[in-house]
Amino acid sequence: MRQNGGYATFRQLNELVNFSIWKTKTPQASVRRIVQQSDAFFRIQPGLWALQEAKEIVLNKFQLKTQDKKIEELFTHSYYQGLLIEIGNMKGLQTYVPAQDKNHLFLEKPLKELATIDKIYDFTYPDILHRATTVDVVWFNERKLPHSFFEVEHTTDIKNSLSKFFELQDYFAHFYIIASESRKKQFDSTISMSLFNPIKKRVGFVNYESIANQYSKMFELSKIEQLI
């Protein structure tokens, strides 16, 4: 973790650690357990940890020490956008992030360096396409058609995201709201509005912890598959 500036995702740790000398059959799980249980580390976000000895340096790096809510919200939003892009990339899909978010950082890397396409594909009429360009993360399949749409809802109005999905309902794609588990009740209440009946069964709610876990475990699985 020191090699990575005092912080790391579990994926980064798995890349940094030499597991060849570990005697356990599940070294990645051991890493997670050590980090989560040791007082030597603290959690920044689900799946993102840092050394206690580097706490001030790391928090300053991400401007989180100021306790500025806007900065914290931007960091959180960009972090989960980055995880979603990375998951899509690992699935072999093409990934898109809106123009206004391209220079936002996933840790220390601009989101535009993670996404595989710079401009959204012209898969529909201009007015609907314009709406699609504002979705936080979009995955496209090999036919350049939308596979999944994701909206990261940290504090903003969930209704706005559902309105985007409503306009995109005619496409055979998945729709997801990504947020803290504490917003699940708000999601359930909003999606139950009669306005959203046509998409109610098509929109999923996924909490932050689940996204971070999927990101870590997909990377671990990819490493295992390389051995077969």
C-alpha atoms as a PDB file:
ATOM      1  CA  MET A   1       0.000   0.000   0.000  1.00  0.00           C
ATOM      2  CA  ARG A   2       2.940   2.322   0.649  1.00  0.00           C
ATOM      3  CA  GLN A   3       4.032   1.716  -2.952  1.00  0.00           C
ATOM      4  CA  ASN A   4       0.682   3.099  -4.076  1.00  0.00           C
ATOM      5  CA  GLY A   5       0.843   6.327  -2.099  1.00  0.00           C
ATOM      6  CA  GLY A   6      -0.600   5.002   1.142  1.00  0.00           C
ATOM      7  CA  TYR A   7      -3.966   3.865  -0.233  1.00  0.00           C
ATOM      8  CA  ALA A   8      -5.337   1.151  -2.512  1.00  0.00           C
ATOM      9  CA  THR A   9      -8.428  -0.627  -3.718  1.00  0.00           C
ATOM     10  CA  PHE A  10      -8.476  -4.370  -3.145  1.00  0.00           C
ATOM     11  CA  ARG A  11      -7.785  -4.791  -6.850  1.00  0.00           C
ATOM     12  CA  GLN A  12      -4.658  -2.659  -6.567  1.00  0.00           C
ATOM     13  CA  LEU A  13      -3.534  -4.630  -3.518  1.00  0.00           C
ATOM     14  CA  ASN A  14      -3.982  -7.886  -5.398  1.00  0.00           C
ATOM     15  CA  GLU A  15      -1.783  -6.500  -8.169  1.00  0.00           C
ATOM     16  CA  LEU A  16       0.887  -5.268  -5.763  1.00  0.00           C
ATOM     17  CA  VAL A  17       1.172  -8.265  -3.441  1.00  0.00           C
ATOM     18  CA  ASN A  18       3.364 -11.229  -4.391  1.00  0.00           C
ATOM     19  CA  PHE A  19       1.130 -14.188  -3.575  1.00  0.00           C
ATOM     20  CA  SER A  20       3.648 -16.812  -4.702  1.00  0.00           C
ATOM     21  CA  ILE A  21       5.033 -17.103  -1.170  1.00  0.00           C
ATOM     22  CA  TRP A  22       1.622 -17.244   0.521  1.00  0.00           C
ATOM     23  CA  LYS A  23       0.607 -20.688   1.755  1.00  0.00           C
ATOM     24  CA  THR A  24      -3.127 -20.029   1.787  1.00  0.00           C
ATOM     25  CA  LYS A  25      -5.310 -21.156  -1.117  1.00  0.00           C
ATOM     26  CA  THR A  26      -7.330 -17.932  -0.941  1.00  0.00           C
ATOM     27  CA  PRO A  27      -4.758 -15.123  -0.653  1.00  0.00           C
ATOM     28  CA  GLN A  28      -7.111 -12.416  -1.941  1.00  0.00           C
ATOM     29  CA  ALA A  29      -9.624 -13.236   0.784  1.00  0.00           C
ATOM     30  CA  SER A  30      -6.806 -13.137   3.321  1.00  0.00           C
ATOM     31  CA  VAL A  31      -5.805  -9.667   2.129  1.00  0.00           C
ATOM     32  CA  ARG A  32      -9.367  -8.410   2.548  1.00  0.00           C
ATOM     33  CA  ARG A  33      -9.602  -9.891   6.033  1.00  0.00           C
ATOM     34  CA  ILE A  34      -6.269  -8.421   7.152  1.00  0.00           C
ATOM     35  CA  VAL A  35      -7.106  -4.947   5.874  1.00  0.00           C
ATOM     36  CA  GLN A  36     -10.640  -4.930   7.273  1.00  0.00           C
ATOM     37  CA  GLN A  37      -9.670  -6.202  10.719  1.00  0.00           C
ATOM     38  CA  SER A  38      -6.374  -4.424  11.334  1.00  0.00           C
ATOM     39  CA  ASP A  39      -6.140  -1.066  13.086  1.00  0.00           C
ATOM     40  CA  ALA A  40      -3.299  -0.199  10.719  1.00  0.00           C
ATOM     41  CA  PHE A  41      -5.824   0.660   7.991  1.00  0.00           C
ATOM     42  CA  PHE A  42      -8.879   2.872   7.634  1.00  0.00           C
ATOM     43  CA  ARG A  43     -11.665   2.824   5.063  1.00  0.00           C
ATOM     44  CA  ILE A  44     -12.195   5.748   2.712  1.00  0.00           C
ATOM     45  CA  GLN A  45     -14.970   4.127   0.676  1.00  0.00           C
ATOM     46  CA  PRO A  46     -16.190   0.543   0.313  1.00  0.00           C
ATOM     47  CA  GLY A  47     -13.326  -1.296  -1.362  1.00  0.00           C
ATOM     48  CA  LEU A  48     -10.898   1.605  -0.864  1.00  0.00           C
ATOM     49  CA  TRP A  49      -8.545   1.575   2.116  1.00  0.00           C
ATOM     50  CA  ALA A  50      -5.535   3.518   3.351  1.00  0.00           C
ATOM     51  CA  LEU A  51      -2.769   3.262   5.917  1.00  0.00           C
ATOM     52  CA  GLN A  52      -3.390   4.982   9.231  1.00  0.00           C
ATOM     53  CA  GLU A  53       0.202   6.213   9.140  1.00  0.00           C
ATOM     54  CA  ALA A  54      -0.553   7.990   5.847  1.00  0.00           C
ATOM     55  CA  LYS A  55      -4.031   9.218   6.779  1.00  0.00           C
ATOM     56  CA  GLU A  56      -3.279  12.931   6.605  1.00  0.00           C
ATOM     57  CA  ILE A  57      -1.381  12.599   3.325  1.00  0.00           C
ATOM     58  CA  VAL A  58      -4.095  10.510   1.683  1.00  0.00           C
ATOM     59  CA  LEU A  59      -6.983  12.694   2.839  1.00  0.00           C
ATOM     60  CA  ASN A  60      -5.143  15.784   1.634  1.00  0.00           C
ATOM     61  CA  LYS A  61      -4.437  14.095  -1.705  1.00  0.00           C
ATOM     62  CA  PHE A  62      -8.150  13.607  -2.298  1.00  0.00           C
ATOM     63  CA  GLN A  63      -9.075  16.918  -0.619  1.00  0.00           C
ATOM     64  CA  LEU A  64     -11.205  15.035   1.893  1.00  0.00           C
ATOM     65  CA  LYS A  65      -9.656  16.579   4.979  1.00  0.00           C
ATOM     66  CA  THR A  66     -11.463  19.865   4.402  1.00  0.00           C
ATOM     67  CA  GLN A  67     -14.823  18.153   5.084  1.00  0.00           C
ATOM     68  CA  ASP A  68     -16.242  20.126   2.175  1.00  0.00           C
ATOM     69  CA  LYS A  69     -19.460  18.295   1.263  1.00  0.00           C
ATOM     70  CA  LYS A  70     -19.277  19.240  -2.409  1.00  0.00           C
ATOM     71  CA  ILE A  71     -15.743  17.863  -2.720  1.00  0.00           C
ATOM     72  CA  GLU A  72     -16.733  14.718  -0.842  1.00  0.00           C
ATOM     73  CA  GLU A  73     -19.771  14.229  -3.089  1.00  0.00           C
ATOM     74  CA  LEU A  74     -17.670  14.670  -6.237  1.00  0.00           C
ATOM     75  CA  PHE A  75     -15.076  12.198  -4.952  1.00  0.00           C
ATOM     76  CA  THR A  76     -17.750   9.623  -4.118  1.00  0.00           C
ATOM     77  CA  HIS A  77     -19.590  10.099  -7.402  1.00  0.00           C
ATOM     78  CA  SER A  78     -16.420   9.781  -9.486  1.00  0.00           C
ATOM     79  CA  TYR A  79     -15.214   6.800  -7.459  1.00  0.00           C
ATOM     80  CA  TYR A  80     -18.311   4.757  -8.262  1.00  0.00           C
ATOM     81  CA  GLN A  81     -18.345   5.915 -11.863  1.00  0.00           C
ATOM     82  CA  GLY A  82     -14.790   4.594 -12.080  1.00  0.00           C
ATOM     83  CA  LEU A  83     -15.735   1.253 -10.539  1.00  0.00           C
ATOM     84  CA  LEU A  84     -18.650   0.876 -12.960  1.00  0.00           C
ATOM     85  CA  ILE A  85     -16.448   1.683 -15.941  1.00  0.00           C
ATOM     86  CA  GLU A  86     -13.827  -0.812 -14.787  1.00  0.00           C
ATOM     87  CA  ILE A  87     -16.453  -3.531 -14.258  1.00  0.00           C
ATOM     88  CA  GLY A  88     -17.830  -2.906 -17.743  1.00  0.00           C
ATOM     89  CA  ASN A  89     -14.335  -3.094 -19.202  1.00  0.00           C
ATOM     90  CA  MET A  90     -13.695  -6.402 -17.431  1.00  0.00           C
ATOM     91  CA  LYS A  91     -16.945  -7.729 -18.899  1.00  0.00           C
ATOM     92  CA  GLY A  92     -15.644  -6.939 -22.374  1.00  0.00           C
ATOM     93  CA  LEU A  93     -18.178  -4.159 -22.948  1.00  0.00           C
ATOM     94  CA  GLN A  94     -17.525  -0.674 -24.288  1.00  0.00           C
ATOM     95  CA  THR A  95     -17.860   2.058 -21.694  1.00  0.00           C
ATOM     96  CA  TYR A  96     -18.966   5.681 -21.864  1.00  0.00           C
ATOM     97  CA  VAL A  97     -18.912   8.568 -19.408  1.00  0.00           C
ATOM     98  CA  PRO A  98     -20.525  12.001 -20.025  1.00  0.00           C
ATOM     99  CA  ALA A  99     -18.393  14.831 -21.393  1.00  0.00           C
ATOM    100  CA  GLN A 100     -18.906  16.908 -18.250  1.00  0.00           C
ATOM    101  CA  ASP A 101     -17.411  14.119 -16.123  1.00  0.00           C
ATOM    102  CA  LYS A 102     -14.456  13.084 -18.287  1.00  0.00           C
ATOM    103  CA  ASN A 103     -11.888  15.046 -16.307  1.00  0.00           C
ATOM    104  CA  HIS A 104     -13.215  13.997 -12.914  1.00  0.00           C
ATOM    105  CA  LEU A 105     -10.852  11.650 -11.140  1.00  0.00           C
ATOM    106  CA  PHE A 106     -11.220   8.008 -10.246  1.00  0.00           C
ATOM    107  CA  LEU A 107      -8.635   8.166  -7.481  1.00  0.00           C
ATOM    108  CA  GLU A 108      -5.806   9.830  -9.460  1.00  0.00           C
ATOM    109  CA  LYS A 109      -6.833   8.952 -13.012  1.00  0.00           C
ATOM    110  CA  PRO A 110      -9.309  10.942 -15.174  1.00  0.00           C
ATOM    111  CA  LEU A 111     -12.434   8.972 -16.025  1.00  0.00           C
ATOM    112  CA  LYS A 112     -11.796   9.594 -19.724  1.00  0.00           C
ATOM    113  CA  GLU A 113      -8.704   7.394 -19.468  1.00  0.00           C
ATOM    114  CA  LEU A 114     -10.825   4.500 -18.194  1.00  0.00           C
ATOM    115  CA  ALA A 115     -13.784   4.740 -20.585  1.00  0.00           C
ATOM    116  CA  THR A 116     -13.243   2.957 -23.891  1.00  0.00           C
ATOM    117  CA  ILE A 117     -15.279   5.295 -26.101  1.00  0.00           C
ATOM    118  CA  ASP A 118     -14.982   9.063 -26.230  1.00  0.00           C
ATOM    119  CA  LYS A 119     -18.326   9.808 -27.888  1.00  0.00           C
ATOM    120  CA  ILE A 120     -21.635   8.053 -27.382  1.00  0.00           C
ATOM    121  CA  TYR A 121     -22.821   5.930 -30.288  1.00  0.00           C
ATOM    122  CA  ASP A 122     -25.675   7.308 -32.405  1.00  0.00           C
ATOM    123  CA  PHE A 123     -28.059   4.527 -31.467  1.00  0.00           C
ATOM    124  CA  THR A 124     -31.282   6.558 -31.484  1.00  0.00           C
ATOM    125  CA  TYR A 125     -33.020   9.828 -32.361  1.00  0.00           C
ATOM    126  CA  PRO A 126     -31.192  13.071 -31.434  1.00  0.00           C
ATOM    127  CA  ASP A 127     -33.513  14.121 -28.602  1.00  0.00           C
ATOM    128  CA  ILE A 128     -33.327  10.740 -26.862  1.00  0.00           C
ATOM    129  CA  LEU A 129     -29.612  10.458 -27.588  1.00  0.00           C
ATOM    130  CA  HIS A 130     -29.030  13.800 -25.906  1.00  0.00           C
ATOM    131  CA  ARG A 131     -30.723  12.451 -22.785  1.00  0.00           C
ATOM    132  CA  ALA A 132     -28.566   9.324 -22.899  1.00  0.00           C
ATOM    133  CA  THR A 133     -25.385  11.415 -23.026  1.00  0.00           C
ATOM    134  CA  THR A 134     -26.128  12.679 -19.512  1.00  0.00           C
ATOM    135  CA  VAL A 135     -26.325   9.223 -17.891  1.00  0.00           C
ATOM    136  CA  ASP A 136     -23.413   8.696 -15.477  1.00  0.00           C
ATOM    137  CA  VAL A 137     -22.104   5.488 -17.061  1.00  0.00           C
ATOM    138  CA  VAL A 138     -23.292   3.563 -20.112  1.00  0.00           C
ATOM    139  CA  TRP A 139     -22.153   0.130 -21.242  1.00  0.00           C
ATOM    140  CA  PHE A 140     -22.428  -0.764 -24.932  1.00  0.00           C
ATOM    141  CA  ASN A 141     -22.359  -4.206 -26.511  1.00  0.00           C
ATOM    142  CA  GLU A 142     -20.375  -5.281 -29.573  1.00  0.00           C
ATOM    143  CA  ARG A 143     -23.190  -4.058 -31.838  1.00  0.00           C
ATOM    144  CA  LYS A 144     -22.776  -0.547 -30.427  1.00  0.00           C
ATOM    145  CA  LEU A 145     -26.166  -0.698 -28.731  1.00  0.00           C
ATOM    146  CA  PRO A 146     -26.753   0.108 -25.052  1.00  0.00           C
ATOM    147  CA  HIS A 147     -26.332  -2.800 -22.669  1.00  0.00           C
ATOM    148  CA  SER A 148     -26.771  -0.986 -19.335  1.00  0.00           C
ATOM    149  CA  PHE A 149     -27.371   2.512 -17.985  1.00  0.00           C
ATOM    150  CA  PHE A 150     -26.160   3.562 -14.525  1.00  0.00           C
ATOM    151  CA  GLU A 151     -26.939   6.607 -12.428  1.00  0.00           C
ATOM    152  CA  VAL A 152     -24.886   7.215  -9.275  1.00  0.00           C
ATOM    153  CA  GLU A 153     -27.157   8.893  -6.745  1.00  0.00           C
ATOM    154  CA  HIS A 154     -25.203  10.131  -3.753  1.00  0.00           C
ATOM    155  CA  THR A 155     -27.391  13.069  -2.733  1.00  0.00           C
ATOM    156  CA  THR A 156     -29.243  14.185  -5.869  1.00  0.00           C
ATOM    157  CA  ASP A 157     -32.897  13.538  -6.641  1.00  0.00           C
ATOM    158  CA  ILE A 158     -33.488   9.923  -7.681  1.00  0.00           C
ATOM    159  CA  LYS A 159     -36.563  11.030  -9.612  1.00  0.00           C
ATOM    160  CA  ASN A 160     -34.369  12.813 -12.161  1.00  0.00           C
ATOM    161  CA  SER A 161     -32.460   9.617 -12.897  1.00  0.00           C
ATOM    162  CA  LEU A 162     -35.631   7.583 -13.206  1.00  0.00           C
ATOM    163  CA  SER A 163     -36.952  10.166 -15.661  1.00  0.00           C
ATOM    164  CA  LYS A 164     -33.926   9.505 -17.868  1.00  0.00           C
ATOM    165  CA  PHE A 165     -34.566   5.770 -17.713  1.00  0.00           C
ATOM    166  CA  PHE A 166     -38.234   6.363 -18.542  1.00  0.00           C
ATOM    167  CA  GLU A 167     -37.248   8.060 -21.792  1.00  0.00           C
ATOM    168  CA  LEU A 168     -34.895   5.188 -22.646  1.00  0.00           C
ATOM    169  CA  GLN A 169     -37.357   2.408 -21.829  1.00  0.00           C
ATOM    170  CA  ASP A 170     -37.863   1.321 -25.455  1.00  0.00           C
ATOM    171  CA  TYR A 171     -34.330  -0.045 -25.614  1.00  0.00           C
ATOM    172  CA  PHE A 172     -33.491  -3.568 -24.512  1.00  0.00           C
ATOM    173  CA  ALA A 173     -31.095  -2.450 -21.801  1.00  0.00           C
ATOM    174  CA  HIS A 174     -30.665  -2.703 -18.047  1.00  0.00           C
ATOM    175  CA  PHE A 175     -31.185   0.291 -15.748  1.00  0.00           C
ATOM    176  CA  TYR A 176     -29.533   0.731 -12.351  1.00  0.00           C
ATOM    177  CA  ILE A 177     -29.515   3.266  -9.548  1.00  0.00           C
ATOM    178  CA  ILE A 178     -26.252   3.093  -7.588  1.00  0.00           C
ATOM    179  CA  ALA A 179     -26.421   4.609  -4.118  1.00  0.00           C
ATOM    180  CA  SER A 180     -25.885   4.157  -0.417  1.00  0.00           C
ATOM    181  CA  GLU A 181     -28.107   1.509   1.164  1.00  0.00           C
ATOM    182  CA  SER A 182     -29.572   4.337   3.253  1.00  0.00           C
ATOM    183  CA  ARG A 183     -31.322   5.615   0.099  1.00  0.00           C
ATOM    184  CA  LYS A 184     -33.070   2.326  -0.681  1.00  0.00           C
ATOM    185  CA  LYS A 185     -36.346   3.407   0.937  1.00  0.00           C
ATOM    186  CA  GLN A 186     -36.315   6.621  -1.056  1.00  0.00           C
ATOM    187  CA  PHE A 187     -35.723   4.627  -4.229  1.00  0.00           C
ATOM    188  CA  ASP A 188     -38.585   2.245  -3.421  1.00  0.00           C
ATOM    189  CA  SER A 189     -40.914   5.154  -2.736  1.00  0.00           C
ATOM    190  CA  THR A 190     -39.991   6.994  -5.928  1.00  0.00           C
ATOM    191  CA  ILE A 191     -40.096   4.001  -8.266  1.00  0.00           C
ATOM    192  CA  SER A 192     -43.562   3.183  -6.883  1.00  0.00           C
ATOM    193  CA  MET A 193     -44.997   6.402  -8.294  1.00  0.00           C
ATOM    194  CA  SER A 194     -47.543   5.656 -11.023  1.00  0.00           C
ATOM    195  CA  LEU A 195     -45.466   7.698 -13.452  1.00  0.00           C
ATOM    196  CA  PHE A 196     -42.761   5.034 -13.365  1.00  0.00           C
ATOM    197  CA  ASN A 197     -44.989   1.953 -13.636  1.00  0.00           C
ATOM    198  CA  PRO A 198     -43.713   1.166 -17.167  1.00  0.00           C
ATOM    199  CA  ILE A 199     -40.128   0.810 -15.897  1.00  0.00           C
ATOM    200  CA  LYS A 200     -40.692  -0.282 -12.296  1.00  0.00           C
ATOM    201  CA  LYS A 201     -39.659  -3.896 -12.881  1.00  0.00           C
ATOM    202  CA  ARG A 202     -36.709  -2.948 -15.067  1.00  0.00           C
ATOM    203  CA  VAL A 203     -34.798  -0.655 -12.721  1.00  0.00           C
ATOM    204  CA  GLY A 204     -32.508  -2.187 -10.147  1.00  0.00           C
ATOM    205  CA  PHE A 205     -31.070  -0.651  -6.999  1.00  0.00           C
ATOM    206  CA  VAL A 206     -27.484  -1.613  -6.163  1.00  0.00           C
ATOM    207  CA  ASN A 207     -25.741  -0.294  -3.073  1.00  0.00           C
ATOM    208  CA  TYR A 208     -22.176   0.964  -2.924  1.00  0.00           C
ATOM    209  CA  GLU A 209     -20.878  -2.064  -1.015  1.00  0.00           C
ATOM    210  CA  SER A 210     -22.148  -4.457  -3.680  1.00  0.00           C
ATOM    211  CA  ILE A 211     -20.470  -2.513  -6.487  1.00  0.00           C
ATOM    212  CA  ALA A 212     -17.151  -2.432  -4.635  1.00  0.00           C
ATOM    213  CA  ASN A 213     -17.396  -6.163  -3.890  1.00  0.00           C
ATOM    214  CA  GLN A 214     -18.201  -7.022  -7.495  1.00  0.00           C
ATOM    215  CA  TYR A 215     -15.263  -4.942  -8.697  1.00  0.00           C
ATOM    216  CA  SER A 216     -12.833  -6.743  -6.386  1.00  0.00           C
ATOM    217  CA  LYS A 217     -14.185 -10.238  -6.973  1.00  0.00           C
ATOM    218  CA  MET A 218     -14.326  -9.893 -10.757  1.00  0.00           C
ATOM    219  CA  PHE A 219     -10.632  -9.047 -10.789  1.00  0.00           C
ATOM    220  CA  GLU A 220      -9.853 -11.993  -8.514  1.00  0.00           C
ATOM    221  CA  LEU A 221     -11.847 -14.299 -10.790  1.00  0.00           C
ATOM    222  CA  SER A 222     -10.030 -13.014 -13.871  1.00  0.00           C
ATOM    223  CA  LYS A 223      -6.727 -13.909 -12.220  1.00  0.00           C
ATOM    224  CA  ILE A 224      -7.970 -17.419 -11.423  1.00  0.00           C
ATOM    225  CA  GLU A 225      -9.207 -17.913 -14.994  1.00  0.00           C
ATOM    226  CA  GLN A 226      -5.753 -17.035 -16.307  1.00  0.00           C
ATOM    227  CA  LEU A 227      -4.420 -20.123 -14.535  1.00  0.00           C
ATOM    228  CA  ILE A 228      -6.823 -22.517 -16.277  1.00  0.00           C
END
